[in-house]
Amino acid sequence: MDSLRGVQQWPVDAVAVAVIDTSGAVVGSHGPQDRPFRLASVTKLLSAYAVLLAVQEGALELDEPAGPPGATVRHLLAHASGLAYDTPQVSAAPGTKRIYSNTGFETLADAVASSSGIAFPDYLADGLLRPLGMSETRLTGSAGSAAAGGISTCADLARFAAELQAPKLLAPQILAEATRVAFPGLDGVVPGYGMQRPNDWGLGFEVRDHKNPHWTGSHNSPETFGHFGQSGTFLWVDPVARAACIALTNRDFGPWARTAWPALCNQVLANLPHL
């Protein structure tokens, strides 16, 4: 597709891009759709969905205690528990600051495993990956990191993006709650983009709102939700544009991505009628 060929100029050795409409159809693509890539923090989208499925099934409740004293499952999903980025240190009282936390997602995985009696990688696979046919997606590492250990393909993530636009596994009202701002007004840092006031986040999903700078395009609606990964990956859904976009690369996030990603996002949005 002409509108996606700009990624050929990206300073990467491998890139795969897909655009998905609300019917679940891939309406534009570029690059190897079945090549596995490291997801880094895009993993959190899959893990959050598994946690929300656990809530739907009654294994967890959003407002049950989890993590530091006073924190809940909801706080952990929204990066509002007070847990530090990569340690069990508590840096703030729950609900007072948006502290992006890998530790919070590992805590959520432990909570799902404890309440369900099923190891989190198995819970994710049984509840999400297998039902969607995401056969090339898995968690890696000794414990299968729920925060950043995912490996997947563009083709698999396109199936997930279709689910995010027209959910069949998760009740639409639960997904709607997860993609709205939780604990509004909290300030915090978006890794790689600095302090955001406010730093809006849903339940596992970053909400674009009016953040600037940002990894999505300036033409993405404020309602856009998704995540990017330090391995050079992103996935967003724009409910207003009625489309989703995935980009996977084999080069870690850096200054190149801060320029290239928003340009691609704006190009995709401008060309949606023609994809």
Protein backbone atom coordinates (compact mmCIF):
# COMPACT_ATOMS: atom_id res chain seq x y z
CA MET A 1 0.00 0.00 0.00
CA ASP A 2 1.41 3.38 -1.01
CA SER A 3 0.43 5.01 2.26
CA LEU A 4 2.56 2.53 4.22
CA ARG A 5 5.66 2.53 2.05
CA GLY A 6 7.22 5.29 4.11
CA VAL A 7 8.27 2.67 6.64
CA GLN A 8 10.85 1.52 4.09
CA GLN A 9 12.81 4.62 5.08
CA TRP A 10 12.83 3.76 8.76
CA PRO A 11 16.32 2.99 10.14
CA VAL A 12 15.40 -0.61 10.96
CA ASP A 13 16.34 -3.99 9.52
CA ALA A 14 12.81 -5.40 9.74
CA VAL A 15 9.36 -3.83 10.06
CA ALA A 16 5.81 -5.08 9.77
CA VAL A 17 2.77 -2.80 9.74
CA ALA A 18 -0.95 -3.54 9.57
CA VAL A 19 -4.11 -1.42 9.56
CA ILE A 20 -7.33 -3.09 10.71
CA ASP A 21 -10.89 -1.79 10.30
CA THR A 22 -13.84 -2.39 12.59
CA SER A 23 -14.88 -5.51 10.70
CA GLY A 24 -11.56 -7.07 11.64
CA ALA A 25 -10.27 -6.93 8.08
CA VAL A 26 -6.65 -6.00 7.44
CA VAL A 27 -7.09 -3.10 5.02
CA GLY A 28 -3.41 -2.26 4.64
CA SER A 29 -0.15 -3.99 5.41
CA HIS A 30 3.56 -3.86 4.79
CA GLY A 31 6.36 -6.24 5.66
CA PRO A 32 6.43 -9.81 7.00
CA GLN A 33 3.11 -10.33 8.76
CA ASP A 34 4.13 -13.71 10.23
CA ARG A 35 7.58 -12.74 11.52
CA PRO A 36 7.84 -12.82 15.34
CA PHE A 37 8.99 -9.63 17.09
CA ARG A 38 9.67 -8.80 20.72
CA LEU A 39 6.75 -6.74 22.02
CA ALA A 40 8.28 -5.24 25.17
CA SER A 41 5.51 -3.21 26.85
CA VAL A 42 2.92 -3.89 24.15
CA THR A 43 2.75 -7.13 26.15
CA LYS A 44 0.81 -5.16 28.77
CA LEU A 45 -2.18 -4.91 26.42
CA LEU A 46 -2.44 -8.69 26.26
CA SER A 47 -1.85 -9.11 29.99
CA ALA A 48 -4.41 -6.43 30.86
CA TYR A 49 -6.97 -8.19 28.68
CA ALA A 50 -6.32 -11.45 30.51
CA VAL A 51 -6.81 -9.67 33.84
CA LEU A 52 -10.08 -8.17 32.60
CA LEU A 53 -11.20 -11.63 31.50
CA ALA A 54 -10.41 -12.84 35.02
CA VAL A 55 -12.62 -10.05 36.36
CA GLN A 56 -15.40 -11.04 33.98
CA GLU A 57 -15.13 -14.66 35.08
CA GLY A 58 -15.22 -13.72 38.77
CA ALA A 59 -11.69 -14.79 39.62
CA LEU A 60 -10.87 -11.18 40.52
CA GLU A 61 -12.69 -7.94 41.26
CA LEU A 62 -11.40 -4.59 40.10
CA ASP A 63 -11.71 -3.08 43.55
CA GLU A 64 -10.30 -5.95 45.60
CA PRO A 65 -7.02 -5.31 47.42
CA ALA A 66 -3.86 -6.08 45.45
CA GLY A 67 -0.33 -4.78 45.62
CA PRO A 68 0.73 -2.19 48.24
CA PRO A 69 -1.53 -1.40 51.23
CA GLY A 70 -4.56 0.55 50.04
CA ALA A 71 -4.11 -0.43 46.40
CA THR A 72 -6.48 -2.53 44.29
CA VAL A 73 -6.50 -4.41 41.00
CA ARG A 74 -7.85 -1.22 39.42
CA HIS A 75 -4.91 0.82 40.76
CA LEU A 76 -2.42 -1.71 39.41
CA LEU A 77 -3.97 -1.75 35.93
CA ALA A 78 -4.00 2.05 35.82
CA HIS A 79 -0.40 2.52 37.03
CA ALA A 80 -1.79 4.28 40.07
CA SER A 81 -0.82 1.83 42.82
CA GLY A 82 2.28 3.75 43.87
CA LEU A 83 4.64 0.91 42.96
CA ALA A 84 7.94 1.96 41.42
CA TYR A 85 8.85 1.21 37.82
CA ASP A 86 10.84 -1.99 38.24
CA THR A 87 11.13 -2.67 41.97
CA PRO A 88 8.67 -3.46 44.79
CA GLN A 89 9.38 -0.06 46.33
CA VAL A 90 6.29 2.05 47.05
CA SER A 91 6.91 5.58 45.78
CA ALA A 92 3.50 7.20 46.37
CA ALA A 93 0.16 6.55 48.04
CA PRO A 94 -2.34 4.69 45.83
CA GLY A 95 -4.36 6.97 43.58
CA THR A 96 -2.12 10.02 43.97
CA LYS A 97 0.33 9.73 41.08
CA ARG A 98 0.65 7.90 37.76
CA ILE A 99 3.85 5.85 38.15
CA TYR A 100 4.40 3.57 35.19
CA SER A 101 5.18 0.20 36.75
CA ASN A 102 6.35 -3.11 35.35
CA THR A 103 6.21 -4.42 38.90
CA GLY A 104 2.50 -3.62 39.01
CA PHE A 105 1.84 -5.94 36.06
CA GLU A 106 3.89 -8.75 37.55
CA THR A 107 1.80 -8.27 40.71
CA LEU A 108 -1.38 -8.54 38.64
CA ALA A 109 -0.15 -11.77 37.04
CA ASP A 110 0.52 -13.20 40.49
CA ALA A 111 -2.97 -12.18 41.62
CA VAL A 112 -4.59 -13.95 38.65
CA ALA A 113 -2.53 -17.07 39.26
CA SER A 114 -3.34 -17.07 42.96
CA SER A 115 -7.07 -16.55 42.53
CA SER A 116 -7.53 -18.93 39.60
CA GLY A 117 -4.99 -21.60 40.43
CA ILE A 118 -3.66 -21.31 36.86
CA ALA A 119 -0.20 -20.02 35.97
CA PHE A 120 -0.56 -16.64 34.28
CA PRO A 121 0.97 -17.62 30.90
CA ASP A 122 -1.51 -20.50 30.75
CA TYR A 123 -4.40 -18.25 31.77
CA LEU A 124 -3.45 -15.80 29.02
CA ALA A 125 -3.14 -18.57 26.44
CA ASP A 126 -6.41 -20.30 27.39
CA GLY A 127 -8.46 -17.13 27.79
CA LEU A 128 -7.17 -14.97 24.95
CA LEU A 129 -4.52 -16.37 22.65
CA ARG A 130 -6.09 -19.69 21.68
CA PRO A 131 -9.65 -18.36 21.27
CA LEU A 132 -8.36 -15.67 18.90
CA GLY A 133 -6.07 -18.03 17.01
CA MET A 134 -2.94 -16.16 18.12
CA SER A 135 -0.77 -19.24 17.74
CA GLU A 136 2.54 -17.39 17.37
CA THR A 137 2.15 -15.28 20.52
CA ARG A 138 3.67 -16.22 23.87
CA LEU A 139 5.30 -14.89 27.02
CA THR A 140 9.02 -15.51 27.33
CA GLY A 141 11.48 -15.52 30.18
CA SER A 142 11.76 -17.80 33.17
CA ALA A 143 8.45 -16.62 34.60
CA GLY A 144 6.81 -15.40 31.39
CA SER A 145 6.86 -11.68 32.11
CA ALA A 146 3.38 -10.16 32.02
CA ALA A 147 4.90 -6.68 31.76
CA ALA A 148 7.28 -6.95 28.84
CA GLY A 149 7.97 -10.56 27.88
CA GLY A 150 5.70 -11.02 24.89
CA ILE A 151 6.64 -12.21 21.42
CA SER A 152 4.11 -11.94 18.61
CA THR A 153 3.50 -11.30 14.93
CA CYS A 154 1.62 -8.60 13.09
CA ALA A 155 -0.90 -11.21 11.93
CA ASP A 156 -1.60 -12.32 15.49
CA LEU A 157 -1.89 -8.77 16.81
CA ALA A 158 -4.29 -7.94 13.97
CA ARG A 159 -6.61 -10.57 15.46
CA PHE A 160 -6.27 -8.90 18.84
CA ALA A 161 -6.90 -5.46 17.32
CA ALA A 162 -10.10 -6.83 15.79
CA GLU A 163 -11.17 -8.03 19.25
CA LEU A 164 -10.45 -4.59 20.69
CA GLN A 165 -12.73 -2.97 18.12
CA ALA A 166 -15.55 -5.52 18.31
CA PRO A 167 -15.08 -7.61 21.45
CA LYS A 168 -16.38 -11.15 21.50
CA LEU A 169 -14.41 -12.57 24.43
CA LEU A 170 -14.82 -9.63 26.80
CA ALA A 171 -18.09 -7.87 27.59
CA PRO A 172 -18.17 -4.56 25.67
CA GLN A 173 -19.00 -2.64 28.85
CA ILE A 174 -15.87 -3.94 30.57
CA LEU A 175 -13.69 -2.96 27.61
CA ALA A 176 -15.38 0.45 27.49
CA GLU A 177 -14.50 1.01 31.15
CA ALA A 178 -10.93 -0.16 30.56
CA THR A 179 -10.39 2.31 27.72
CA ARG A 180 -11.70 5.33 29.66
CA VAL A 181 -9.46 7.35 31.95
CA ALA A 182 -9.08 5.79 35.39
CA PHE A 183 -8.24 8.10 38.30
CA PRO A 184 -8.49 11.28 36.20
CA GLY A 185 -6.10 14.16 36.73
CA LEU A 186 -3.03 12.20 37.78
CA ASP A 187 0.30 13.48 36.52
CA GLY A 188 3.12 11.18 35.54
CA VAL A 189 5.84 10.28 33.07
CA VAL A 190 5.24 8.47 29.77
CA PRO A 191 8.54 6.59 29.27
CA GLY A 192 10.49 8.23 26.47
CA TYR A 193 8.16 11.25 26.35
CA GLY A 194 8.58 12.88 29.74
CA MET A 195 6.12 14.34 32.21
CA GLN A 196 2.50 14.59 31.10
CA ARG A 197 -0.03 16.74 32.96
CA PRO A 198 -2.27 14.83 33.15
CA ASN A 199 -0.94 11.41 32.19
CA ASP A 200 -4.22 9.73 31.32
CA TRP A 201 -4.45 5.97 31.46
CA GLY A 202 -7.24 3.43 31.42
CA LEU A 203 -7.11 -0.09 32.85
CA GLY A 204 -4.00 -1.34 31.11
CA PHE A 205 -4.51 0.88 28.07
CA GLU A 206 -2.82 4.23 27.63
CA VAL A 207 -5.40 6.86 26.62
CA ARG A 208 -4.01 9.46 24.23
CA ASP A 209 -6.17 12.41 25.29
CA HIS A 210 -4.24 15.63 24.50
CA LYS A 211 -0.71 14.48 25.35
CA ASN A 212 2.11 16.25 23.58
CA PRO A 213 4.60 14.96 22.59
CA HIS A 214 3.17 11.52 21.96
CA TRP A 215 3.93 8.36 20.00
CA THR A 216 0.61 8.44 18.10
CA GLY A 217 -0.16 11.05 15.47
CA SER A 218 -1.41 14.59 15.99
CA HIS A 219 -4.50 13.55 14.01
CA ASN A 220 -5.34 10.63 16.31
CA SER A 221 -8.45 11.36 18.34
CA PRO A 222 -8.16 11.92 22.11
CA GLU A 223 -10.09 8.66 22.53
CA THR A 224 -7.26 6.64 20.95
CA PHE A 225 -5.97 3.90 23.24
CA GLY A 226 -3.11 1.44 23.06
CA HIS A 227 0.54 1.04 24.04
CA PHE A 228 4.06 1.23 22.68
CA GLY A 229 7.07 -0.91 23.54
CA GLN A 230 10.72 -0.08 24.03
CA SER A 231 11.55 -2.83 21.51
CA GLY A 232 10.26 -0.52 18.75
CA THR A 233 6.61 -1.59 18.64
CA PHE A 234 3.15 -0.09 19.00
CA LEU A 235 -0.54 -0.85 18.72
CA TRP A 236 -3.34 1.69 18.83
CA VAL A 237 -7.08 1.72 18.30
CA ASP A 238 -8.81 4.96 17.33
CA PRO A 239 -12.57 4.60 17.92
CA VAL A 240 -13.31 7.85 16.10
CA ALA A 241 -11.35 6.83 12.99
CA ARG A 242 -12.78 3.31 13.35
CA ALA A 243 -9.41 1.72 12.76
CA ALA A 244 -6.40 0.20 14.48
CA CYS A 245 -2.73 0.27 13.55
CA ILE A 246 0.16 -2.03 14.48
CA ALA A 247 3.86 -1.48 13.85
CA LEU A 248 6.55 -3.97 14.85
CA THR A 249 10.28 -3.46 14.32
CA ASN A 250 13.57 -4.99 15.40
CA ARG A 251 15.12 -1.70 16.55
CA ASP A 252 14.64 -0.39 20.06
CA PHE A 253 12.66 2.79 20.61
CA GLY A 254 14.68 5.97 20.31
CA PRO A 255 14.75 9.41 18.66
CA TRP A 256 14.05 7.76 15.29
CA ALA A 257 10.67 6.50 16.53
CA ARG A 258 9.67 9.84 18.03
CA THR A 259 9.72 11.22 14.49
CA ALA A 260 8.74 8.20 12.41
CA TRP A 261 5.79 6.88 14.39
CA PRO A 262 3.58 10.01 14.51
CA ALA A 263 4.25 10.58 10.81
CA LEU A 264 3.09 7.06 9.98
CA CYS A 265 0.03 7.39 12.20
CA ASN A 266 -1.03 10.63 10.51
CA GLN A 267 -0.42 9.08 7.09
CA VAL A 268 -2.58 6.07 7.97
CA LEU A 269 -5.41 8.27 9.20
CA ALA A 270 -5.27 10.50 6.11
CA ASN A 271 -5.44 7.50 3.79
CA LEU A 272 -7.99 5.34 5.62
CA PRO A 273 -10.68 5.74 2.90
CA HIS A 274 -8.19 4.47 0.32
CA LEU A 275 -6.66 1.56 2.22
